[in-house]
Amino acid sequence: MNHSTSSNSQLSLAPFGAGDLIDRAVRFYRKNFWTFVWIAAPPIIIRTIISVD
C-alpha cells in the first residue's frame, strides 16, 4: 500500500460557514490594513490633486 495515498485520504477540507469566512476576512484585513492603505493612496492622492487644480 502506498503510504502517501493513505495519508492523503485522511486529509479533508470542511466547508466554512459564513461566520468563519467573515472572521477570516476581518483578521486578514486588520493584519494587512496599512498595506491596503498604501495600495489605495496613490490614485486617490493623484485624483484629488487633479480635481483641485
PDB file of N, CA and C in Angstrom:
ATOM      1  N   MET A   1       0.845  -1.185   0.000  1.00  0.00           N
ATOM      2  CA  MET A   1       0.000   0.000   0.000  1.00  0.00           C
ATOM      3  C   MET A   1       0.881   1.237   0.000  1.00  0.00           C
ATOM      4  N   ASN A   2       0.527   2.191  -0.814  1.00  0.00           N
ATOM      5  CA  ASN A   2       1.287   3.427  -0.922  1.00  0.00           C
ATOM      6  C   ASN A   2       0.979   4.313   0.280  1.00  0.00           C
ATOM      7  N   HIS A   3       2.013   4.692   1.017  1.00  0.00           N
ATOM      8  CA  HIS A   3       1.826   5.462   2.246  1.00  0.00           C
ATOM      9  C   HIS A   3       1.276   6.865   1.975  1.00  0.00           C
ATOM     10  N   SER A   4       1.734   7.510   0.899  1.00  0.00           N
ATOM     11  CA  SER A   4       1.262   8.867   0.611  1.00  0.00           C
ATOM     12  C   SER A   4      -0.227   8.879   0.265  1.00  0.00           C
ATOM     13  N   THR A   5      -0.707   7.824  -0.359  1.00  0.00           N
ATOM     14  CA  THR A   5      -2.129   7.744  -0.688  1.00  0.00           C
ATOM     15  C   THR A   5      -2.962   7.626   0.573  1.00  0.00           C
ATOM     16  N   SER A   6      -2.524   6.823   1.526  1.00  0.00           N
ATOM     17  CA  SER A   6      -3.302   6.655   2.748  1.00  0.00           C
ATOM     18  C   SER A   6      -3.295   7.922   3.587  1.00  0.00           C
ATOM     19  N   SER A   7      -2.188   8.674   3.607  1.00  0.00           N
ATOM     20  CA  SER A   7      -2.163   9.905   4.388  1.00  0.00           C
ATOM     21  C   SER A   7      -2.999  10.990   3.725  1.00  0.00           C
ATOM     22  N   ASN A   8      -3.058  10.992   2.394  1.00  0.00           N
ATOM     23  CA  ASN A   8      -3.873  11.986   1.703  1.00  0.00           C
ATOM     24  C   ASN A   8      -5.356  11.734   1.901  1.00  0.00           C
ATOM     25  N   SER A   9      -5.741  10.497   2.051  1.00  0.00           N
ATOM     26  CA  SER A   9      -7.158  10.195   2.231  1.00  0.00           C
ATOM     27  C   SER A   9      -7.654  10.654   3.596  1.00  0.00           C
ATOM     28  N   GLN A  10      -6.761  10.843   4.543  1.00  0.00           N
ATOM     29  CA  GLN A  10      -7.157  11.301   5.875  1.00  0.00           C
ATOM     30  C   GLN A  10      -7.361  12.809   5.916  1.00  0.00           C
ATOM     31  N   LEU A  11      -6.818  13.534   4.954  1.00  0.00           N
ATOM     32  CA  LEU A  11      -6.989  14.978   4.923  1.00  0.00           C
ATOM     33  C   LEU A  11      -8.327  15.317   4.282  1.00  0.00           C
ATOM     34  N   SER A  12      -9.113  16.086   5.001  1.00  0.00           N
ATOM     35  CA  SER A  12     -10.384  16.520   4.427  1.00  0.00           C
ATOM     36  C   SER A  12     -10.576  17.995   4.732  1.00  0.00           C
ATOM     37  N   LEU A  13     -11.136  18.698   3.780  1.00  0.00           N
ATOM     38  CA  LEU A  13     -11.402  20.112   3.952  1.00  0.00           C
ATOM     39  C   LEU A  13     -12.881  20.313   4.226  1.00  0.00           C
ATOM     40  N   ALA A  14     -13.178  20.855   5.393  1.00  0.00           N
ATOM     41  CA  ALA A  14     -14.566  21.127   5.734  1.00  0.00           C
ATOM     42  C   ALA A  14     -14.951  22.487   5.164  1.00  0.00           C
ATOM     43  N   PRO A  15     -16.154  22.610   4.651  1.00  0.00           N
ATOM     44  CA  PRO A  15     -16.580  23.917   4.135  1.00  0.00           C
ATOM     45  C   PRO A  15     -16.725  24.916   5.279  1.00  0.00           C
ATOM     46  N   PHE A  16     -16.395  26.168   4.992  1.00  0.00           N
ATOM     47  CA  PHE A  16     -16.514  27.214   6.003  1.00  0.00           C
ATOM     48  C   PHE A  16     -17.926  27.767   6.006  1.00  0.00           C
ATOM     49  N   GLY A  17     -18.384  28.138   7.176  1.00  0.00           N
ATOM     50  CA  GLY A  17     -19.658  28.835   7.277  1.00  0.00           C
ATOM     51  C   GLY A  17     -19.444  30.315   7.020  1.00  0.00           C
ATOM     52  N   ALA A  18     -20.530  31.055   6.916  1.00  0.00           N
ATOM     53  CA  ALA A  18     -20.435  32.494   6.658  1.00  0.00           C
ATOM     54  C   ALA A  18     -19.670  33.197   7.772  1.00  0.00           C
ATOM     55  N   GLY A  19     -19.910  32.813   9.010  1.00  0.00           N
ATOM     56  CA  GLY A  19     -19.221  33.434  10.134  1.00  0.00           C
ATOM     57  C   GLY A  19     -17.723  33.204  10.083  1.00  0.00           C
ATOM     58  N   ASP A  20     -17.313  31.990   9.709  1.00  0.00           N
ATOM     59  CA  ASP A  20     -15.882  31.679   9.594  1.00  0.00           C
ATOM     60  C   ASP A  20     -15.223  32.510   8.501  1.00  0.00           C
ATOM     61  N   LEU A  21     -15.896  32.637   7.368  1.00  0.00           N
ATOM     62  CA  LEU A  21     -15.347  33.423   6.263  1.00  0.00           C
ATOM     63  C   LEU A  21     -15.223  34.893   6.634  1.00  0.00           C
ATOM     64  N   ILE A  22     -16.238  35.442   7.289  1.00  0.00           N
ATOM     65  CA  ILE A  22     -16.194  36.839   7.705  1.00  0.00           C
ATOM     66  C   ILE A  22     -15.087  37.051   8.725  1.00  0.00           C
ATOM     67  N   ASP A  23     -14.969  36.131   9.677  1.00  0.00           N
ATOM     68  CA  ASP A  23     -13.928  36.232  10.700  1.00  0.00           C
ATOM     69  C   ASP A  23     -12.542  36.210  10.077  1.00  0.00           C
ATOM     70  N   ARG A  24     -12.321  35.310   9.150  1.00  0.00           N
ATOM     71  CA  ARG A  24     -11.017  35.233   8.474  1.00  0.00           C
ATOM     72  C   ARG A  24     -10.750  36.486   7.649  1.00  0.00           C
ATOM     73  N   ALA A  25     -11.776  36.995   6.961  1.00  0.00           N
ATOM     74  CA  ALA A  25     -11.599  38.198   6.143  1.00  0.00           C
ATOM     75  C   ALA A  25     -11.257  39.403   7.021  1.00  0.00           C
ATOM     76  N   VAL A  26     -11.924  39.545   8.149  1.00  0.00           N
ATOM     77  CA  VAL A  26     -11.658  40.665   9.057  1.00  0.00           C
ATOM     78  C   VAL A  26     -10.251  40.563   9.632  1.00  0.00           C
ATOM     79  N   ARG A  27      -9.851  39.349  10.035  1.00  0.00           N
ATOM     80  CA  ARG A  27      -8.488  39.179  10.556  1.00  0.00           C
ATOM     81  C   ARG A  27      -7.450  39.493   9.488  1.00  0.00           C
ATOM     82  N   PHE A  28      -7.689  39.060   8.249  1.00  0.00           N
ATOM     83  CA  PHE A  28      -6.768  39.342   7.143  1.00  0.00           C
ATOM     84  C   PHE A  28      -6.690  40.839   6.884  1.00  0.00           C
ATOM     85  N   TYR A  29      -7.847  41.508   6.894  1.00  0.00           N
ATOM     86  CA  TYR A  29      -7.894  42.952   6.654  1.00  0.00           C
ATOM     87  C   TYR A  29      -7.131  43.696   7.747  1.00  0.00           C
ATOM     88  N   ARG A  30      -7.360  43.332   9.011  1.00  0.00           N
ATOM     89  CA  ARG A  30      -6.671  44.001  10.115  1.00  0.00           C
ATOM     90  C   ARG A  30      -5.173  43.766  10.068  1.00  0.00           C
ATOM     91  N   LYS A  31      -4.774  42.571   9.715  1.00  0.00           N
ATOM     92  CA  LYS A  31      -3.348  42.240   9.644  1.00  0.00           C
ATOM     93  C   LYS A  31      -2.658  43.034   8.542  1.00  0.00           C
ATOM     94  N   ASN A  32      -3.353  43.273   7.431  1.00  0.00           N
ATOM     95  CA  ASN A  32      -2.757  43.921   6.266  1.00  0.00           C
ATOM     96  C   ASN A  32      -3.317  45.318   6.008  1.00  0.00           C
ATOM     97  N   PHE A  33      -3.856  45.969   7.044  1.00  0.00           N
ATOM     98  CA  PHE A  33      -4.535  47.254   6.869  1.00  0.00           C
ATOM     99  C   PHE A  33      -3.654  48.285   6.183  1.00  0.00           C
ATOM    100  N   TRP A  34      -2.432  48.495   6.693  1.00  0.00           N
ATOM    101  CA  TRP A  34      -1.565  49.538   6.126  1.00  0.00           C
ATOM    102  C   TRP A  34      -1.104  49.195   4.711  1.00  0.00           C
ATOM    103  N   THR A  35      -0.994  47.931   4.399  1.00  0.00           N
ATOM    104  CA  THR A  35      -0.671  47.542   3.024  1.00  0.00           C
ATOM    105  C   THR A  35      -1.777  47.994   2.079  1.00  0.00           C
ATOM    106  N   PHE A  36      -3.027  47.772   2.481  1.00  0.00           N
ATOM    107  CA  PHE A  36      -4.154  48.196   1.654  1.00  0.00           C
ATOM    108  C   PHE A  36      -4.220  49.715   1.536  1.00  0.00           C
ATOM    109  N   VAL A  37      -3.907  50.428   2.626  1.00  0.00           N
ATOM    110  CA  VAL A  37      -3.898  51.896   2.582  1.00  0.00           C
ATOM    111  C   VAL A  37      -2.857  52.381   1.583  1.00  0.00           C
ATOM    112  N   TRP A  38      -1.649  51.811   1.633  1.00  0.00           N
ATOM    113  CA  TRP A  38      -0.583  52.247   0.719  1.00  0.00           C
ATOM    114  C   TRP A  38      -0.884  51.891  -0.733  1.00  0.00           C
ATOM    115  N   ILE A  39      -1.621  50.817  -0.959  1.00  0.00           N
ATOM    116  CA  ILE A  39      -2.013  50.471  -2.330  1.00  0.00           C
ATOM    117  C   ILE A  39      -3.066  51.452  -2.850  1.00  0.00           C
ATOM    118  N   ALA A  40      -3.998  51.847  -2.000  1.00  0.00           N
ATOM    119  CA  ALA A  40      -5.104  52.705  -2.430  1.00  0.00           C
ATOM    120  C   ALA A  40      -4.728  54.179  -2.462  1.00  0.00           C
ATOM    121  N   ALA A  41      -3.724  54.598  -1.703  1.00  0.00           N
ATOM    122  CA  ALA A  41      -3.421  56.024  -1.549  1.00  0.00           C
ATOM    123  C   ALA A  41      -2.986  56.736  -2.835  1.00  0.00           C
ATOM    124  N   PRO A  42      -2.059  56.220  -3.626  1.00  0.00           N
ATOM    125  CA  PRO A  42      -1.585  56.994  -4.792  1.00  0.00           C
ATOM    126  C   PRO A  42      -2.688  57.425  -5.764  1.00  0.00           C
ATOM    127  N   PRO A  43      -3.584  56.534  -6.187  1.00  0.00           N
ATOM    128  CA  PRO A  43      -4.624  57.009  -7.121  1.00  0.00           C
ATOM    129  C   PRO A  43      -5.546  58.051  -6.481  1.00  0.00           C
ATOM    130  N   ILE A  44      -5.821  57.905  -5.196  1.00  0.00           N
ATOM    131  CA  ILE A  44      -6.697  58.867  -4.516  1.00  0.00           C
ATOM    132  C   ILE A  44      -6.016  60.228  -4.429  1.00  0.00           C
ATOM    133  N   ILE A  45      -4.746  60.231  -4.079  1.00  0.00           N
ATOM    134  CA  ILE A  45      -3.989  61.483  -3.967  1.00  0.00           C
ATOM    135  C   ILE A  45      -3.885  62.168  -5.331  1.00  0.00           C
ATOM    136  N   ILE A  46      -3.562  61.413  -6.363  1.00  0.00           N
ATOM    137  CA  ILE A  46      -3.434  61.977  -7.712  1.00  0.00           C
ATOM    138  C   ILE A  46      -4.761  62.539  -8.188  1.00  0.00           C
ATOM    139  N   ARG A  47      -5.831  61.805  -7.973  1.00  0.00           N
ATOM    140  CA  ARG A  47      -7.160  62.288  -8.401  1.00  0.00           C
ATOM    141  C   ARG A  47      -7.562  63.545  -7.634  1.00  0.00           C
ATOM    142  N   THR A  48      -7.212  63.611  -6.362  1.00  0.00           N
ATOM    143  CA  THR A  48      -7.521  64.795  -5.565  1.00  0.00           C
ATOM    144  C   THR A  48      -6.751  66.006  -6.069  1.00  0.00           C
ATOM    145  N   ILE A  49      -5.474  65.820  -6.388  1.00  0.00           N
ATOM    146  CA  ILE A  49      -4.657  66.916  -6.906  1.00  0.00           C
ATOM    147  C   ILE A  49      -5.212  67.406  -8.248  1.00  0.00           C
ATOM    148  N   ILE A  50      -5.598  66.487  -9.105  1.00  0.00           N
ATOM    149  CA  ILE A  50      -6.137  66.855 -10.418  1.00  0.00           C
ATOM    150  C   ILE A  50      -7.467  67.604 -10.266  1.00  0.00           C
ATOM    151  N   SER A  51      -8.320  67.157  -9.370  1.00  0.00           N
ATOM    152  CA  SER A  51      -9.633  67.794  -9.229  1.00  0.00           C
ATOM    153  C   SER A  51      -9.529  69.152  -8.556  1.00  0.00           C
ATOM    154  N   VAL A  52      -8.505  69.407  -7.749  1.00  0.00           N
ATOM    155  CA  VAL A  52      -8.357  70.695  -7.082  1.00  0.00           C
ATOM    156  C   VAL A  52      -7.848  71.757  -8.056  1.00  0.00           C
ATOM    157  N   ASP A  53      -7.010  71.367  -9.003  1.00  0.00           N
ATOM    158  CA  ASP A  53      -6.444  72.337  -9.967  1.00  0.00           C
ATOM    159  C   ASP A  53      -7.462  72.953 -10.848  1.00  0.00           C
TER     160      ASP A  53
END
